[in-house]
C-alpha atoms as a PDB file:
ATOM      1  CA  MET A   1      -0.254  58.035 -71.033  1.00  0.00           C
ATOM      2  CA  LEU A   2      -2.234  55.591 -68.952  1.00  0.00           C
ATOM      3  CA  THR A   3      -5.584  54.956 -70.912  1.00  0.00           C
ATOM      4  CA  LEU A   4      -6.758  51.752 -69.389  1.00  0.00           C
ATOM      5  CA  THR A   5      -6.484  50.027 -65.993  1.00  0.00           C
ATOM      6  CA  LEU A   6      -7.223  46.403 -65.997  1.00  0.00           C
ATOM      7  CA  TYR A   7      -8.611  44.582 -62.880  1.00  0.00           C
ATOM      8  CA  TYR A   8      -7.678  41.008 -63.005  1.00  0.00           C
ATOM      9  CA  ASP A   9      -7.408  37.859 -60.797  1.00  0.00           C
ATOM     10  CA  GLY A  10      -4.039  37.496 -59.560  1.00  0.00           C
ATOM     11  CA  ASN A  11      -4.936  34.078 -58.258  1.00  0.00           C
ATOM     12  CA  CYS A  12      -5.475  32.695 -61.762  1.00  0.00           C
ATOM     13  CA  ALA A  13      -2.447  31.386 -63.621  1.00  0.00           C
ATOM     14  CA  LEU A  14      -4.565  32.198 -66.959  1.00  0.00           C
ATOM     15  CA  CYS A  15      -5.135  35.670 -65.928  1.00  0.00           C
ATOM     16  CA  ARG A  16      -1.665  36.373 -64.936  1.00  0.00           C
ATOM     17  CA  ALA A  17      -0.205  34.863 -68.264  1.00  0.00           C
ATOM     18  CA  GLN A  18      -2.510  37.205 -70.110  1.00  0.00           C
ATOM     19  CA  MET A  19      -1.774  40.216 -68.120  1.00  0.00           C
ATOM     20  CA  ALA A  20       2.026  39.312 -68.431  1.00  0.00           C
ATOM     21  CA  ARG A  21       1.555  39.188 -72.150  1.00  0.00           C
ATOM     22  CA  LEU A  22      -0.074  42.626 -72.335  1.00  0.00           C
ATOM     23  CA  ARG A  23       2.667  44.059 -70.150  1.00  0.00           C
ATOM     24  CA  GLN A  24       5.119  42.873 -72.716  1.00  0.00           C
ATOM     25  CA  LEU A  25       3.018  44.366 -75.746  1.00  0.00           C
ATOM     26  CA  ASP A  26       2.596  47.669 -73.721  1.00  0.00           C
ATOM     27  CA  THR A  27       5.768  49.402 -74.896  1.00  0.00           C
ATOM     28  CA  ALA A  28       3.937  53.022 -74.359  1.00  0.00           C
ATOM     29  CA  CYS A  29       2.790  52.254 -70.927  1.00  0.00           C
ATOM     30  CA  ARG A  30      -0.853  52.653 -71.755  1.00  0.00           C
ATOM     31  CA  LEU A  31      -2.049  50.051 -69.467  1.00  0.00           C
ATOM     32  CA  GLY A  32      -2.298  49.848 -65.737  1.00  0.00           C
ATOM     33  CA  PHE A  33      -2.822  46.538 -63.861  1.00  0.00           C
ATOM     34  CA  SER A  34      -4.673  45.979 -60.566  1.00  0.00           C
ATOM     35  CA  ASP A  35      -4.610  42.373 -58.947  1.00  0.00           C
ATOM     36  CA  ILE A  36      -8.197  42.166 -57.311  1.00  0.00           C
ATOM     37  CA  ALA A  37      -6.643  39.138 -55.130  1.00  0.00           C
ATOM     38  CA  ALA A  38      -3.966  41.325 -53.834  1.00  0.00           C
ATOM     39  CA  PRO A  39      -4.647  41.844 -49.821  1.00  0.00           C
ATOM     40  CA  ASP A  40      -4.368  45.753 -50.400  1.00  0.00           C
ATOM     41  CA  PHE A  41      -7.083  45.942 -53.047  1.00  0.00           C
ATOM     42  CA  PHE A  42     -10.234  47.664 -52.299  1.00  0.00           C
ATOM     43  CA  PRO A  43     -12.966  47.813 -54.892  1.00  0.00           C
ATOM     44  CA  GLU A  44     -15.115  50.387 -53.299  1.00  0.00           C
ATOM     45  CA  ALA A  45     -13.765  53.318 -55.431  1.00  0.00           C
ATOM     46  CA  LEU A  46     -14.856  51.511 -58.571  1.00  0.00           C
ATOM     47  CA  GLY A  47     -18.464  51.040 -57.258  1.00  0.00           C
ATOM     48  CA  VAL A  48     -18.292  47.314 -57.962  1.00  0.00           C
ATOM     49  CA  SER A  49     -18.164  44.471 -55.680  1.00  0.00           C
ATOM     50  CA  LYS A  50     -15.100  42.156 -55.387  1.00  0.00           C
ATOM     51  CA  GLU A  51     -17.414  39.356 -56.354  1.00  0.00           C
ATOM     52  CA  ALA A  52     -18.506  41.042 -59.533  1.00  0.00           C
ATOM     53  CA  LEU A  53     -14.829  41.608 -60.424  1.00  0.00           C
ATOM     54  CA  GLY A  54     -14.006  38.176 -59.829  1.00  0.00           C
ATOM     55  CA  THR A  55     -16.507  36.936 -62.308  1.00  0.00           C
ATOM     56  CA  GLU A  56     -15.138  38.635 -65.482  1.00  0.00           C
ATOM     57  CA  ILE A  57     -12.106  40.915 -66.080  1.00  0.00           C
ATOM     58  CA  HIS A  58     -13.022  44.469 -65.716  1.00  0.00           C
ATOM     59  CA  ALA A  59     -11.098  47.534 -67.202  1.00  0.00           C
ATOM     60  CA  LEU A  60     -11.560  51.387 -66.283  1.00  0.00           C
ATOM     61  CA  THR A  61     -10.922  53.841 -68.973  1.00  0.00           C
ATOM     62  CA  ALA A  62      -8.971  57.111 -68.517  1.00  0.00           C
ATOM     63  CA  ASP A  63     -12.426  58.911 -68.687  1.00  0.00           C
ATOM     64  CA  GLY A  64     -14.007  56.874 -66.236  1.00  0.00           C
ATOM     65  CA  ARG A  65     -16.050  54.171 -68.217  1.00  0.00           C
ATOM     66  CA  LEU A  66     -15.883  50.763 -66.753  1.00  0.00           C
ATOM     67  CA  MET A  67     -15.775  47.883 -69.120  1.00  0.00           C
ATOM     68  CA  VAL A  68     -16.547  44.243 -68.422  1.00  0.00           C
ATOM     69  CA  GLY A  69     -15.365  40.940 -70.213  1.00  0.00           C
ATOM     70  CA  LEU A  70     -14.663  40.868 -73.664  1.00  0.00           C
ATOM     71  CA  ASP A  71     -14.873  44.638 -74.199  1.00  0.00           C
ATOM     72  CA  SER A  72     -11.941  44.870 -71.499  1.00  0.00           C
ATOM     73  CA  ILE A  73      -9.842  42.520 -73.510  1.00  0.00           C
ATOM     74  CA  ILE A  74     -10.605  44.361 -76.797  1.00  0.00           C
ATOM     75  CA  ALA A  75      -9.793  47.742 -75.184  1.00  0.00           C
ATOM     76  CA  ALA A  76      -6.422  46.304 -73.777  1.00  0.00           C
ATOM     77  CA  TYR A  77      -5.246  44.762 -77.047  1.00  0.00           C
ATOM     78  CA  THR A  78      -6.380  48.143 -79.015  1.00  0.00           C
ATOM     79  CA  ALA A  79      -4.321  50.226 -76.420  1.00  0.00           C
ATOM     80  CA  VAL A  80      -1.181  48.351 -77.123  1.00  0.00           C
ATOM     81  CA  GLY A  81      -1.622  48.442 -80.968  1.00  0.00           C
ATOM     82  CA  ARG A  82      -2.740  44.736 -81.321  1.00  0.00           C
ATOM     83  CA  GLY A  83      -6.383  45.262 -81.911  1.00  0.00           C
ATOM     84  CA  TRP A  84      -5.835  43.069 -84.925  1.00  0.00           C
ATOM     85  CA  LEU A  85      -5.508  40.198 -82.934  1.00  0.00           C
ATOM     86  CA  VAL A  86      -9.020  40.486 -81.227  1.00  0.00           C
ATOM     87  CA  ALA A  87     -10.791  41.882 -84.255  1.00  0.00           C
ATOM     88  CA  PRO A  88     -12.775  38.716 -84.498  1.00  0.00           C
ATOM     89  CA  LEU A  89     -14.347  39.593 -81.225  1.00  0.00           C
ATOM     90  CA  ARG A  90     -15.941  42.425 -82.620  1.00  0.00           C
ATOM     91  CA  ILE A  91     -17.855  40.667 -85.376  1.00  0.00           C
ATOM     92  CA  GLY A  92     -21.694  41.220 -84.467  1.00  0.00           C
ATOM     93  CA  VAL A  93     -23.058  37.924 -85.495  1.00  0.00           C
ATOM     94  CA  LEU A  94     -20.268  35.991 -83.679  1.00  0.00           C
ATOM     95  CA  ARG A  95     -20.212  38.144 -80.644  1.00  0.00           C
ATOM     96  CA  PRO A  96     -22.724  36.238 -78.850  1.00  0.00           C
ATOM     97  CA  LEU A  97     -20.586  33.187 -78.983  1.00  0.00           C
ATOM     98  CA  PHE A  98     -17.574  34.704 -78.278  1.00  0.00           C
ATOM     99  CA  VAL A  99     -19.208  36.169 -74.993  1.00  0.00           C
ATOM    100  CA  ALA A 100     -20.298  32.765 -74.010  1.00  0.00           C
ATOM    101  CA  MET A 101     -17.154  31.090 -74.780  1.00  0.00           C
ATOM    102  CA  TYR A 102     -15.292  33.972 -72.492  1.00  0.00           C
ATOM    103  CA  ARG A 103     -17.845  33.625 -69.682  1.00  0.00           C
ATOM    104  CA  GLY A 104     -17.155  29.839 -69.674  1.00  0.00           C
ATOM    105  CA  LEU A 105     -13.702  30.270 -69.568  1.00  0.00           C
ATOM    106  CA  ALA A 106     -13.701  32.857 -66.862  1.00  0.00           C
ATOM    107  CA  ARG A 107     -16.144  30.674 -64.826  1.00  0.00           C
ATOM    108  CA  HIS A 108     -13.921  27.709 -65.104  1.00  0.00           C
ATOM    109  CA  ARG A 109     -10.373  29.405 -65.078  1.00  0.00           C
ATOM    110  CA  TYR A 110      -9.092  27.901 -61.962  1.00  0.00           C
ATOM    111  CA  ARG A 111      -9.916  24.439 -62.971  1.00  0.00           C
ATOM    112  CA  LEU A 112      -8.208  25.216 -66.420  1.00  0.00           C
ATOM    113  CA  SER A 113      -5.290  26.702 -65.035  1.00  0.00           C
ATOM    114  CA  ARG A 114      -4.882  23.649 -62.529  1.00  0.00           C
ATOM    115  CA  CYS A 115      -5.860  26.069 -59.763  1.00  0.00           C
ATOM    116  CA  ALA A 116      -8.406  25.343 -57.045  1.00  0.00           C
ATOM    117  CA  ASP A 117     -10.228  27.715 -54.417  1.00  0.00           C
ATOM    118  CA  GLY A 118      -8.243  30.555 -55.999  1.00  0.00           C
ATOM    119  CA  VAL A 119      -4.851  28.827 -55.016  1.00  0.00           C
ATOM    120  CA  CYS A 120      -2.416  27.396 -57.836  1.00  0.00           C
ATOM    121  CA  LYS A 121      -1.282  24.131 -57.023  1.00  0.00           C
ATOM    122  CA  PHE A 122       2.058  24.393 -58.906  1.00  0.00           C
ATOM    123  CA  GLY A 123       3.618  26.856 -56.824  1.00  0.00           C
ATOM    124  CA  GLY A 124       0.876  29.585 -55.996  1.00  0.00           C
ATOM    125  CA  ARG A 125       1.205  33.242 -56.930  1.00  0.00           C
ATOM    126  CA  PRO A 126       4.325  34.594 -58.209  1.00  0.00           C
END
């Protein structure tokens, strides 16, 4: 049963790698994946702009709640039975640090994954 749909940037090599890892771990098919960079993706149904979706990963729960950033990652790993991998992200006193680190990573993801302007230099999208 699908419990969470992840909205990720398919132009980002880091993002694609993370989604591939989650797909591999998702043996019970609880996750859905939606590439916001795909030409046939339209964000209107979510009530969020494409720009906002491109800022941080988003996830939509089966009951219609929209999650952003670390909460999306925590929910995804929990859904595939690997919540323990992201348990430190839940520690209240450390959370602001992890949020800041994630936002920095998200902001610089193209540079970190050797991509520029949303297009990877080492072969583009798969």
